[in-house]
Amino acid sequence: MLVFQTKNELKSFLDTINSNAIKVGMVPTMGALHQGHASLVERSISENALTIVSIFVNPTQFNNQEDLLKYPKTLEKDSSLLNSISKDIIIFAPSVSEMYSEHVVSKKYDFQGLDKVMEGAFREGHFDGVGTIVESLLLTVAPDKAYFGEKDFQQLQIIKKLVDLQNIPVEIIGCPILREPNGLAMSSRNERLSKELRKEAGFIYETLKKISQKFPDHSPLSIIEWATEQFQAHPNLRLEYLQISEEDTLKPIDHKKKDKKYRAFIAVFADGVRLIDNIGLN
């Protein structure tokens, strides 16, 4: 397994193999890898001759500095997991100074409103940070396909918009959410939960499933009101937002149209750990 820490080293390596015009897949991550990440990597391996996994905790997408400091950095463990999947995976693990040079600041993007709701409303500047690092990674690697999990569905839509706005020739692939046995969406943040709270957090997905069941016969506003009430019986799970939106625009809705796709989005604090999830509704 090869590990590169600088853009120039990685580009030099890619230049030596790209003469064969092989297909390259990329899985951008912030490390602390779990089986959800592994599923993205396996998908890339199945569709490409070469897979590159980036591991980089991006400071500009954290609006909470305490959250950034607590984010786990487990490169050795991550490398072991990737090696167990395939010894041919390439790891790109740059430093902050390598990706940002002297100025650790985000570019500014016009995501045409996709970044103004949900995560964007509660995490100012978050998606500018995401866009900045994803654009840099995609331009460095120049993959044919890049793979992202649907747990961060809003991020997925914004990255699709990013490559369109910046004319980056890559296909963005969204992959299904992997879940723990109780339904909790797999996330690096889950490791910060107590055993009891991790079990109780399965209620988040239970609620989303019930929302999906209710959606054909009830109004979006009545569903949100019902779901919000359910969380009152779970004081350890503090609801930050619950929204039913069009998938394409991410705008919240108060009534349904037959030709639109909809999705429910949720963010919950569990003892200070922020958990997000979503579910398709039609």
Protein backbone atom coordinates (compact mmCIF):
# COMPACT_ATOMS: atom_id res chain seq x y z
CA MET A 1 0.00 0.00 0.00
CA LEU A 2 1.36 3.38 -1.03
CA VAL A 3 0.86 6.49 1.13
CA PHE A 4 1.50 9.99 -0.25
CA GLN A 5 1.62 13.16 1.84
CA THR A 6 2.19 15.83 -0.79
CA LYS A 7 0.34 16.82 -3.94
CA ASN A 8 3.48 16.71 -6.04
CA GLU A 9 4.36 13.16 -4.97
CA LEU A 10 0.86 11.95 -5.72
CA LYS A 11 0.69 13.74 -9.07
CA SER A 12 4.08 12.33 -10.08
CA PHE A 13 2.86 8.84 -9.30
CA LEU A 14 -0.38 9.37 -11.21
CA ASP A 15 1.54 10.74 -14.20
CA THR A 16 3.47 7.48 -14.43
CA ILE A 17 0.33 5.36 -14.65
CA ASN A 18 -2.10 7.62 -16.50
CA SER A 19 -0.39 6.92 -19.80
CA ASN A 20 -2.34 3.67 -19.70
CA ALA A 21 -5.59 5.63 -19.41
CA ILE A 22 -6.76 3.56 -16.46
CA LYS A 23 -9.93 4.47 -14.60
CA VAL A 24 -9.33 6.15 -11.24
CA GLY A 25 -11.85 6.26 -8.39
CA MET A 26 -11.55 8.49 -5.34
CA VAL A 27 -13.07 8.34 -1.86
CA PRO A 28 -12.49 11.60 0.05
CA THR A 29 -12.64 11.07 3.84
CA MET A 30 -11.69 12.74 7.10
CA GLY A 31 -10.38 9.47 8.50
CA ALA A 32 -11.68 7.59 11.56
CA LEU A 33 -12.85 5.09 8.98
CA HIS A 34 -15.70 2.63 9.58
CA GLN A 35 -17.68 0.15 7.52
CA GLY A 36 -19.61 2.96 5.86
CA HIS A 37 -16.36 4.26 4.40
CA ALA A 38 -15.35 0.71 3.55
CA SER A 39 -18.49 0.30 1.45
CA LEU A 40 -17.55 3.40 -0.58
CA VAL A 41 -14.04 2.06 -1.11
CA GLU A 42 -15.35 -1.35 -2.19
CA ARG A 43 -17.72 0.32 -4.65
CA SER A 44 -14.83 2.29 -6.13
CA ILE A 45 -12.64 -0.81 -6.41
CA SER A 46 -15.44 -2.62 -8.25
CA GLU A 47 -15.77 0.18 -10.83
CA ASN A 48 -12.18 1.42 -11.30
CA ALA A 49 -8.69 0.05 -11.91
CA LEU A 50 -7.20 2.27 -9.18
CA THR A 51 -8.74 3.65 -5.99
CA ILE A 52 -7.35 6.59 -4.03
CA VAL A 53 -8.60 7.33 -0.50
CA SER A 54 -7.82 10.75 0.92
CA ILE A 55 -7.60 11.14 4.69
CA PHE A 56 -7.67 14.78 5.75
CA VAL A 57 -9.43 16.47 8.67
CA ASN A 58 -10.42 19.72 7.02
CA PRO A 59 -10.30 22.64 9.49
CA THR A 60 -12.32 25.08 7.39
CA GLN A 61 -15.52 23.01 7.54
CA PHE A 62 -15.65 23.09 11.34
CA ASN A 63 -17.49 26.10 12.72
CA ASN A 64 -17.00 24.63 16.22
CA GLN A 65 -13.31 24.54 17.08
CA GLU A 66 -13.92 22.18 20.02
CA ASP A 67 -15.47 19.73 17.58
CA LEU A 68 -12.37 20.00 15.38
CA LEU A 69 -10.04 19.32 18.32
CA LYS A 70 -12.08 16.27 19.36
CA TYR A 71 -12.25 14.79 15.87
CA PRO A 72 -10.32 11.49 15.96
CA LYS A 73 -7.11 11.15 13.97
CA THR A 74 -6.38 7.45 13.48
CA LEU A 75 -4.23 7.14 10.36
CA GLU A 76 -2.56 3.88 11.42
CA LYS A 77 -5.91 2.22 12.19
CA ASP A 78 -7.41 3.62 8.97
CA SER A 79 -4.51 2.29 6.92
CA SER A 80 -4.99 -1.15 8.47
CA LEU A 81 -8.68 -1.17 7.56
CA LEU A 82 -7.95 -0.13 3.98
CA ASN A 83 -5.16 -2.70 3.69
CA SER A 84 -7.63 -5.41 4.74
CA ILE A 85 -9.86 -4.40 1.81
CA SER A 86 -7.09 -4.24 -0.78
CA LYS A 87 -3.35 -3.83 -0.73
CA ASP A 88 -3.56 -1.82 -3.96
CA ILE A 89 -5.40 1.17 -2.46
CA ILE A 90 -3.50 4.47 -2.60
CA ILE A 91 -3.74 6.71 0.47
CA PHE A 92 -3.35 10.47 0.23
CA ALA A 93 -2.84 11.89 3.74
CA PRO A 94 -1.66 15.49 3.44
CA SER A 95 -1.03 18.00 6.21
CA VAL A 96 -3.05 21.19 6.67
CA SER A 97 -0.13 23.26 5.40
CA GLU A 98 0.09 21.08 2.29
CA MET A 99 -3.56 21.71 1.41
CA TYR A 100 -3.80 25.35 2.48
CA SER A 101 -0.24 26.68 2.42
CA GLU A 102 -0.01 29.77 4.66
CA HIS A 103 -3.67 30.82 4.75
CA VAL A 104 -6.20 28.36 6.18
CA VAL A 105 -9.29 30.02 4.73
CA SER A 106 -12.16 28.90 2.53
CA LYS A 107 -13.04 30.01 -0.95
CA LYS A 108 -16.50 31.50 -1.39
CA TYR A 109 -19.02 29.71 -3.59
CA ASP A 110 -22.51 30.39 -4.86
CA PHE A 111 -24.26 27.07 -4.36
CA GLN A 112 -27.55 28.64 -5.44
CA GLY A 113 -29.30 28.18 -2.12
CA LEU A 114 -28.34 24.54 -1.48
CA ASP A 115 -26.08 25.71 1.36
CA LYS A 116 -28.59 28.01 3.08
CA VAL A 117 -30.79 25.38 4.73
CA MET A 118 -30.31 22.64 7.33
CA GLU A 119 -26.56 22.16 7.89
CA GLY A 120 -25.81 25.48 6.24
CA ALA A 121 -28.29 27.33 8.46
CA PHE A 122 -26.73 25.92 11.64
CA ARG A 123 -23.06 25.75 10.56
CA GLU A 124 -22.10 29.05 8.96
CA GLY A 125 -19.38 28.71 6.33
CA HIS A 126 -19.38 24.91 6.57
CA PHE A 127 -20.06 24.23 2.89
CA ASP A 128 -17.55 26.80 1.69
CA GLY A 129 -15.00 24.76 3.64
CA VAL A 130 -16.27 21.52 2.15
CA GLY A 131 -16.21 22.97 -1.35
CA THR A 132 -12.70 24.35 -0.92
CA ILE A 133 -11.13 21.05 0.09
CA VAL A 134 -13.15 18.83 -2.25
CA GLU A 135 -12.30 21.05 -5.23
CA SER A 136 -8.61 20.93 -4.30
CA LEU A 137 -8.65 17.15 -3.87
CA LEU A 138 -10.48 16.54 -7.14
CA LEU A 139 -8.11 18.80 -9.06
CA THR A 140 -5.10 17.07 -7.49
CA VAL A 141 -6.24 13.51 -8.18
CA ALA A 142 -8.35 14.11 -11.32
CA PRO A 143 -10.40 10.93 -10.74
CA ASP A 144 -12.98 9.60 -13.17
CA LYS A 145 -15.42 8.97 -10.31
CA ALA A 146 -15.64 10.16 -6.71
CA TYR A 147 -17.76 8.43 -4.06
CA PHE A 148 -19.72 10.03 -1.21
CA GLY A 149 -22.19 8.60 1.30
CA GLU A 150 -25.85 9.62 1.26
CA LYS A 151 -25.79 10.15 5.04
CA ASP A 152 -24.47 13.60 4.15
CA PHE A 153 -27.07 14.03 1.43
CA GLN A 154 -26.97 17.82 1.49
CA GLN A 155 -23.19 17.69 1.07
CA LEU A 156 -23.63 15.23 -1.81
CA GLN A 157 -25.96 17.65 -3.63
CA ILE A 158 -23.60 20.55 -3.02
CA ILE A 159 -20.59 18.62 -4.34
CA LYS A 160 -22.56 17.78 -7.48
CA LYS A 161 -23.26 21.51 -7.84
CA LEU A 162 -19.58 22.29 -7.17
CA VAL A 163 -18.25 20.14 -10.01
CA ASP A 164 -20.86 21.67 -12.31
CA LEU A 165 -19.96 25.24 -11.34
CA GLN A 166 -16.20 24.63 -11.56
CA ASN A 167 -16.40 22.41 -14.67
CA ILE A 168 -14.51 19.57 -13.00
CA PRO A 169 -14.70 16.45 -15.20
CA VAL A 170 -15.64 13.86 -12.59
CA GLU A 171 -18.74 11.75 -11.97
CA ILE A 172 -20.03 12.11 -8.41
CA ILE A 173 -21.50 8.86 -7.09
CA GLY A 174 -23.85 8.80 -4.10
CA CYS A 175 -23.82 5.55 -2.09
CA PRO A 176 -26.42 4.19 0.35
CA ILE A 177 -26.20 4.79 4.09
CA LEU A 178 -24.76 1.94 6.13
CA ARG A 179 -26.33 1.47 9.56
CA GLU A 180 -25.53 -0.11 12.87
CA PRO A 181 -27.76 -3.02 14.00
CA ASN A 182 -30.16 -0.61 15.74
CA GLY A 183 -30.45 1.57 12.62
CA LEU A 184 -28.13 4.39 13.72
CA ALA A 185 -26.34 5.75 10.67
CA MET A 186 -22.65 4.82 10.78
CA SER A 187 -20.50 7.82 11.63
CA SER A 188 -17.09 8.50 13.12
CA ARG A 189 -18.90 10.55 15.77
CA ASN A 190 -20.70 7.47 17.08
CA GLU A 191 -17.48 6.44 18.84
CA ARG A 192 -17.96 9.41 21.19
CA LEU A 193 -21.31 8.10 22.44
CA SER A 194 -21.71 6.01 25.58
CA LYS A 195 -22.93 2.45 25.07
CA GLU A 196 -26.36 3.35 26.45
CA LEU A 197 -26.73 6.51 24.38
CA ARG A 198 -25.55 4.78 21.23
CA LYS A 199 -28.34 2.26 21.74
CA GLU A 200 -30.94 4.98 22.40
CA ALA A 201 -29.83 6.91 19.30
CA GLY A 202 -31.39 4.17 17.20
CA PHE A 203 -34.62 6.09 17.88
CA ILE A 204 -33.53 8.61 15.23
CA TYR A 205 -33.84 6.08 12.42
CA GLU A 206 -37.00 4.57 13.95
CA THR A 207 -38.58 8.02 13.67
CA LEU A 208 -37.40 8.48 10.08
CA LYS A 209 -38.92 5.15 9.08
CA LYS A 210 -42.25 6.15 10.61
CA ILE A 211 -42.07 9.48 8.78
CA SER A 212 -41.63 7.55 5.54
CA GLN A 213 -44.68 5.42 6.37
CA LYS A 214 -46.81 8.47 7.16
CA PHE A 215 -45.70 10.54 4.17
CA PRO A 216 -48.19 9.26 1.54
CA ASP A 217 -51.24 10.06 3.67
CA HIS A 218 -50.29 13.03 5.84
CA SER A 219 -49.15 16.59 5.23
CA PRO A 220 -45.46 17.43 5.73
CA LEU A 221 -46.24 19.91 8.49
CA SER A 222 -48.38 17.45 10.46
CA ILE A 223 -45.64 14.81 10.16
CA ILE A 224 -42.99 17.20 11.46
CA GLU A 225 -45.25 18.20 14.36
CA TRP A 226 -45.84 14.53 15.21
CA ALA A 227 -42.16 13.61 15.01
CA THR A 228 -41.09 16.59 17.12
CA GLU A 229 -43.45 15.46 19.86
CA GLN A 230 -41.93 11.97 19.83
CA PHE A 231 -38.54 13.37 20.85
CA GLN A 232 -40.02 14.79 24.04
CA ALA A 233 -39.96 11.24 25.42
CA HIS A 234 -36.19 11.12 24.73
CA PRO A 235 -34.60 14.03 26.63
CA ASN A 236 -31.13 12.61 25.93
CA LEU A 237 -31.73 13.28 22.22
CA ARG A 238 -32.12 17.00 21.55
CA LEU A 239 -33.67 17.71 18.18
CA GLU A 240 -31.87 20.51 16.33
CA TYR A 241 -33.87 20.39 13.11
CA LEU A 242 -36.27 18.14 11.24
CA GLN A 243 -37.13 19.06 7.67
CA ILE A 244 -38.95 17.52 4.71
CA SER A 245 -37.49 18.86 1.47
CA GLU A 246 -37.35 18.45 -2.27
CA GLU A 247 -34.31 16.33 -3.09
CA ASP A 248 -33.13 18.57 -5.94
CA THR A 249 -33.43 21.99 -4.29
CA LEU A 250 -33.33 20.94 -0.60
CA LYS A 251 -36.03 23.53 0.04
CA PRO A 252 -38.51 22.64 2.79
CA ILE A 253 -42.06 21.93 1.63
CA ASP A 254 -45.53 22.40 3.09
CA HIS A 255 -47.32 20.41 0.38
CA LYS A 256 -46.45 17.62 -2.05
CA LYS A 257 -46.36 17.49 -5.84
CA LYS A 258 -46.62 14.26 -7.83
CA ASP A 259 -43.54 14.84 -10.00
CA LYS A 260 -41.08 15.64 -7.19
CA LYS A 261 -38.81 13.49 -5.02
CA TYR A 262 -38.74 14.22 -1.31
CA ARG A 263 -36.51 13.38 1.63
CA ALA A 264 -36.67 13.88 5.39
CA PHE A 265 -33.57 15.31 7.09
CA ILE A 266 -32.76 15.37 10.78
CA ALA A 267 -30.03 16.61 13.14
CA VAL A 268 -29.92 15.58 16.81
CA PHE A 269 -27.57 16.28 19.70
CA ALA A 270 -26.82 13.28 21.90
CA ASP A 271 -24.83 14.43 24.93
CA GLY A 272 -23.10 17.08 22.83
CA VAL A 273 -22.43 14.74 19.89
CA ARG A 274 -24.17 15.94 16.75
CA LEU A 275 -25.80 13.21 14.65
CA ILE A 276 -27.41 13.65 11.24
CA ASP A 277 -29.50 11.29 9.12
CA ASN A 278 -32.04 11.28 6.29
CA ILE A 279 -34.43 9.04 4.44
CA GLY A 280 -36.03 9.07 0.98
CA LEU A 281 -39.80 9.42 1.07
CA ASN A 282 -40.98 8.32 -2.38
